[in-house]
Amino acid sequence: MEKITYTFPATKNIDHRAHVGVVGSGDLEVMMEPSDGSQTEVTIRTGITGFKNTWEAVIQRFFSQHDVAAKVRINDFGATPGVVAIRLAQALEVSTLDSNGKC
């Protein structure tokens, strides 16, 4: 099991916690919650070792496009970079929904 962490500066807040995806064959789960500070903290736990550069590229790209202050936990079981990006986008959408279910 490999653990990877990243920290990025951020200026926008999210409103709610989000939990999307499941850990299973070829998939991952993303948990996103509001952060108290002005940064994003990402912690990745993966059973697939040797892909730190790929993780860095995907995570850095996503959070450079989405400037949100959040604590993000990712549990991976071999998801592709495309699935990672989709799950992050889903978590962000859920975390910014208002009480009427709209962004």
Protein backbone atom coordinates (compact mmCIF):
# COMPACT_ATOMS: atom_id res chain seq x y z
CA MET A 1 0.00 0.00 0.00
CA GLU A 2 1.38 3.39 -1.01
CA LYS A 3 0.35 6.67 0.61
CA ILE A 4 0.80 9.92 -1.34
CA THR A 5 -0.03 13.40 -0.08
CA TYR A 6 -0.30 16.77 -1.79
CA THR A 7 -1.10 20.30 -0.61
CA PHE A 8 -2.27 23.17 -2.83
CA PRO A 9 -3.19 26.79 -2.05
CA ALA A 10 -6.89 27.53 -2.41
CA THR A 11 -9.28 30.47 -2.16
CA LYS A 12 -12.81 29.06 -2.66
CA ASN A 13 -14.75 27.09 -0.08
CA ILE A 14 -16.99 24.10 -0.57
CA ASP A 15 -20.21 23.74 1.38
CA HIS A 16 -20.72 20.05 2.08
CA ARG A 17 -19.03 16.72 2.48
CA ALA A 18 -19.09 14.34 -0.45
CA HIS A 19 -18.44 10.62 -0.80
CA VAL A 20 -18.44 9.15 -4.31
CA GLY A 21 -17.32 5.85 -5.78
CA VAL A 22 -16.38 2.59 -4.12
CA VAL A 23 -13.13 0.78 -3.63
CA GLY A 24 -13.27 -2.32 -5.77
CA SER A 25 -11.67 -3.89 -8.76
CA GLY A 26 -10.38 -1.04 -10.91
CA ASP A 27 -12.17 1.75 -9.07
CA LEU A 28 -11.73 4.21 -6.24
CA GLU A 29 -13.60 6.28 -3.71
CA VAL A 30 -13.21 9.99 -3.13
CA MET A 31 -14.20 11.71 0.09
CA MET A 32 -14.16 15.51 0.05
CA GLU A 33 -14.93 17.82 2.94
CA PRO A 34 -14.59 21.53 3.64
CA SER A 35 -11.21 22.69 4.91
CA ASP A 36 -10.68 25.14 7.76
CA GLY A 37 -7.74 26.75 6.02
CA SER A 38 -6.94 28.24 2.66
CA GLN A 39 -5.53 25.10 1.13
CA THR A 40 -6.42 21.74 -0.30
CA GLU A 41 -4.98 18.65 1.32
CA VAL A 42 -5.09 15.46 -0.76
CA THR A 43 -4.25 12.05 0.69
CA ILE A 44 -4.16 9.06 -1.63
CA ARG A 45 -3.96 5.44 -0.52
CA THR A 46 -3.38 3.01 -3.33
CA GLY A 47 -2.55 -0.65 -3.61
CA ILE A 48 -0.92 -0.04 -6.98
CA THR A 49 2.63 1.22 -6.50
CA GLY A 50 4.92 3.05 -8.92
CA PHE A 51 2.46 5.61 -10.31
CA LYS A 52 3.33 8.66 -8.20
CA ASN A 53 4.13 10.79 -11.27
CA THR A 54 0.77 9.92 -12.85
CA TRP A 55 -1.08 10.74 -9.63
CA GLU A 56 0.75 14.03 -9.36
CA ALA A 57 -0.18 15.04 -12.92
CA VAL A 58 -3.88 14.18 -12.48
CA ILE A 59 -4.26 15.76 -9.03
CA GLN A 60 -2.29 18.87 -9.91
CA ARG A 61 -4.30 19.41 -13.12
CA PHE A 62 -7.63 19.03 -11.33
CA PHE A 63 -6.85 21.39 -8.45
CA SER A 64 -5.24 24.00 -10.69
CA GLN A 65 -8.59 24.14 -12.54
CA HIS A 66 -10.72 23.96 -9.38
CA ASP A 67 -9.42 26.31 -6.71
CA VAL A 68 -11.27 24.85 -3.71
CA ALA A 69 -10.20 24.55 -0.09
CA ALA A 70 -10.91 20.96 0.89
CA LYS A 71 -9.64 17.87 2.62
CA VAL A 72 -9.66 15.08 0.06
CA ARG A 73 -9.11 11.39 0.74
CA ILE A 74 -8.79 8.97 -2.14
CA ASN A 75 -8.75 5.20 -1.71
CA ASP A 76 -7.66 3.56 -4.95
CA PHE A 77 -7.76 0.03 -6.30
CA GLY A 78 -6.27 0.52 -9.76
CA ALA A 79 -8.45 3.25 -11.27
CA THR A 80 -7.32 4.87 -14.51
CA PRO A 81 -6.49 8.60 -14.61
CA GLY A 82 -9.79 9.24 -16.40
CA VAL A 83 -11.78 7.60 -13.61
CA VAL A 84 -9.85 9.61 -11.02
CA ALA A 85 -10.75 12.87 -12.80
CA ILE A 86 -14.42 11.86 -13.07
CA ARG A 87 -14.67 10.89 -9.39
CA LEU A 88 -13.02 14.15 -8.33
CA ALA A 89 -15.48 16.11 -10.50
CA GLN A 90 -18.40 14.17 -9.02
CA ALA A 91 -17.21 14.84 -5.47
CA LEU A 92 -16.79 18.54 -6.22
CA GLU A 93 -20.29 18.72 -7.70
CA VAL A 94 -21.85 17.01 -4.67
CA SER A 95 -19.91 19.24 -2.25
CA THR A 96 -21.21 22.42 -3.89
CA LEU A 97 -24.91 21.50 -4.19
CA ASP A 98 -27.35 23.76 -2.41
CA SER A 99 -30.35 22.54 -0.42
CA ASN A 100 -32.38 22.32 -3.66
CA GLY A 101 -29.83 20.05 -5.32
CA LYS A 102 -28.42 22.77 -7.60
CA CYS A 103 -24.83 23.97 -7.94
